[in-house]
Amino acid sequence: MADYFTNFSVVLPLTKEQQECAMQIVKQANAHRWHEEPLPDSFPADLVGEVENWDFETEIVDDGLWLHSQNGGQETACVFIQHLLQKFDFAPAVAFEWSHDCSKPRTDAYGGGAAFITSTEIETFSTHEWLQKMAC
């Protein structure tokens, strides 16, 4: 049996106050997801539909807020990043890449993609989609 991974890592340059606010959202999402606690009324409406796919980890680091994963969740991370861009206006845009990998050689296991996120738009790119486009 093979193990599949989707890895990404990005640090958002947030202040301590912004980090604490972001981590409160993370804690609420995790409490709902793992302990079936109801989301509070104050939970951001634009993130409610993303909670079930919150497969990434979030940590406070010296440089800001670190989002990373070996299990995917990059689409939800994009929506979370956009929410934080809208709320704090900490950068004009955030970009990051992800990779697909596997513990055993499989023809469908490798690839990756990238995201470019602004406060109004999320653009993603997949190497699989690019290859499909090139083959046509």
Protein backbone atom coordinates (compact mmCIF):
# COMPACT_ATOMS: atom_id res chain seq x y z
CA MET A 1 0.00 0.00 0.00
CA ALA A 2 1.28 3.45 -0.87
CA ASP A 3 0.97 6.62 1.17
CA TYR A 4 0.10 9.81 -0.71
CA PHE A 5 1.16 13.27 0.45
CA THR A 6 0.40 16.85 -0.51
CA ASN A 7 2.97 19.18 1.03
CA PHE A 8 3.00 22.95 1.31
CA SER A 9 4.50 25.57 3.57
CA VAL A 10 3.98 29.34 3.71
CA VAL A 11 4.59 32.01 6.34
CA LEU A 12 2.26 35.00 6.53
CA PRO A 13 3.94 38.16 7.91
CA LEU A 14 1.39 38.94 10.62
CA THR A 15 1.85 41.00 13.76
CA LYS A 16 1.42 39.36 17.17
CA GLU A 17 -2.12 40.76 17.47
CA GLN A 18 -3.02 39.51 13.98
CA GLN A 19 -1.50 36.10 14.78
CA GLU A 20 -3.65 35.80 17.90
CA CYS A 21 -6.80 36.68 15.96
CA ALA A 22 -5.94 34.15 13.24
CA MET A 23 -5.17 31.45 15.80
CA GLN A 24 -8.56 32.02 17.44
CA ILE A 25 -10.20 31.16 14.11
CA VAL A 26 -7.97 28.07 13.81
CA LYS A 27 -8.87 26.92 17.33
CA GLN A 28 -12.58 27.34 16.64
CA ALA A 29 -12.33 25.43 13.34
CA ASN A 30 -10.39 22.60 15.00
CA ALA A 31 -12.82 22.41 17.95
CA HIS A 32 -15.70 22.08 15.50
CA ARG A 33 -13.92 19.57 13.30
CA TRP A 34 -12.38 17.33 15.96
CA HIS A 35 -14.71 17.75 18.93
CA GLU A 36 -17.99 18.52 17.13
CA GLU A 37 -18.35 21.81 18.99
CA PRO A 38 -20.64 24.28 17.24
CA LEU A 39 -19.00 27.16 15.43
CA PRO A 40 -19.57 30.41 17.31
CA ASP A 41 -21.71 33.10 15.71
CA SER A 42 -18.56 35.21 15.42
CA PHE A 43 -16.87 32.63 13.15
CA PRO A 44 -16.20 34.22 9.73
CA ALA A 45 -19.02 33.38 7.33
CA ASP A 46 -16.62 33.02 4.39
CA LEU A 47 -14.80 30.18 6.21
CA VAL A 48 -17.78 28.15 7.44
CA GLY A 49 -17.87 25.96 4.33
CA GLU A 50 -14.11 25.32 4.56
CA VAL A 51 -13.92 23.84 8.08
CA GLU A 52 -14.38 20.21 7.00
CA ASN A 53 -11.34 20.48 4.69
CA TRP A 54 -9.07 22.22 7.21
CA ASP A 55 -6.25 19.69 6.70
CA PHE A 56 -3.31 22.01 7.34
CA GLU A 57 -1.50 23.01 10.51
CA THR A 58 -1.00 26.55 11.75
CA GLU A 59 1.73 27.76 14.08
CA ILE A 60 2.98 31.10 15.36
CA VAL A 61 6.63 31.61 14.43
CA ASP A 62 9.02 34.57 14.73
CA ASP A 63 8.28 35.72 11.17
CA GLY A 64 4.48 35.47 11.43
CA LEU A 65 1.96 32.70 11.00
CA TRP A 66 3.15 29.42 9.46
CA LEU A 67 0.66 27.32 7.49
CA HIS A 68 1.94 23.90 6.46
CA SER A 69 0.76 20.39 5.66
CA GLN A 70 1.66 16.94 4.44
CA ASN A 71 -2.02 16.10 4.01
CA GLY A 72 -3.28 18.75 1.62
CA GLY A 73 -5.82 21.38 2.49
CA GLN A 74 -4.25 23.91 0.16
CA GLU A 75 -7.62 25.04 -1.20
CA THR A 76 -8.88 25.82 2.30
CA ALA A 77 -5.55 27.47 3.14
CA CYS A 78 -6.11 29.76 0.15
CA VAL A 79 -9.53 30.83 1.46
CA PHE A 80 -8.12 31.34 4.97
CA ILE A 81 -5.25 33.44 3.59
CA GLN A 82 -7.68 35.53 1.55
CA HIS A 83 -9.79 36.09 4.66
CA LEU A 84 -6.70 37.30 6.53
CA LEU A 85 -5.68 39.56 3.61
CA GLN A 86 -9.14 41.14 3.66
CA LYS A 87 -9.13 41.55 7.43
CA PHE A 88 -5.57 42.81 7.97
CA ASP A 89 -4.31 44.05 4.57
CA PHE A 90 -0.83 42.79 5.50
CA ALA A 91 0.38 42.30 1.90
CA PRO A 92 -0.83 42.96 -1.64
CA ALA A 93 -0.75 39.21 -2.35
CA VAL A 94 0.42 35.85 -1.04
CA ALA A 95 1.78 33.06 -3.22
CA PHE A 96 2.78 29.51 -2.39
CA GLU A 97 3.40 26.15 -4.05
CA TRP A 98 2.49 22.58 -3.15
CA SER A 99 3.77 19.18 -4.19
CA HIS A 100 2.09 15.81 -4.58
CA ASP A 101 4.27 12.88 -3.58
CA CYS A 102 3.99 9.19 -2.78
CA SER A 103 5.86 6.62 -0.70
CA LYS A 104 5.97 4.25 -3.68
CA PRO A 105 6.38 4.86 -7.40
CA ARG A 106 2.93 5.46 -8.89
CA THR A 107 2.12 7.07 -12.22
CA ASP A 108 -0.66 9.19 -10.68
CA ALA A 109 1.21 10.28 -7.53
CA TYR A 110 3.49 13.14 -8.51
CA GLY A 111 2.89 16.72 -9.42
CA GLY A 112 2.01 19.95 -7.75
CA GLY A 113 0.62 23.38 -8.17
CA ALA A 114 0.70 26.96 -7.03
CA ALA A 115 -1.63 29.63 -5.73
CA PHE A 116 -1.64 33.42 -6.03
CA ILE A 117 -4.02 35.03 -3.56
CA THR A 118 -5.18 38.64 -3.25
CA SER A 119 -7.97 40.09 -1.16
CA THR A 120 -10.34 39.72 -4.13
CA GLU A 121 -9.06 36.76 -6.14
CA ILE A 122 -7.62 33.27 -5.77
CA GLU A 123 -5.81 31.88 -8.79
CA THR A 124 -4.46 28.33 -8.73
CA PHE A 125 -2.41 26.30 -11.16
CA SER A 126 -1.92 22.53 -11.28
CA THR A 127 0.85 20.76 -13.17
CA HIS A 128 -1.67 18.04 -14.08
CA GLU A 129 -4.00 20.60 -15.68
CA TRP A 130 -1.06 22.16 -17.54
CA LEU A 131 0.02 18.78 -18.92
CA GLN A 132 -3.55 18.03 -20.04
CA LYS A 133 -3.70 21.39 -21.80
CA MET A 134 -0.35 20.80 -23.52
CA ALA A 135 -1.44 17.35 -24.75
CA CYS A 136 -4.47 18.78 -26.59
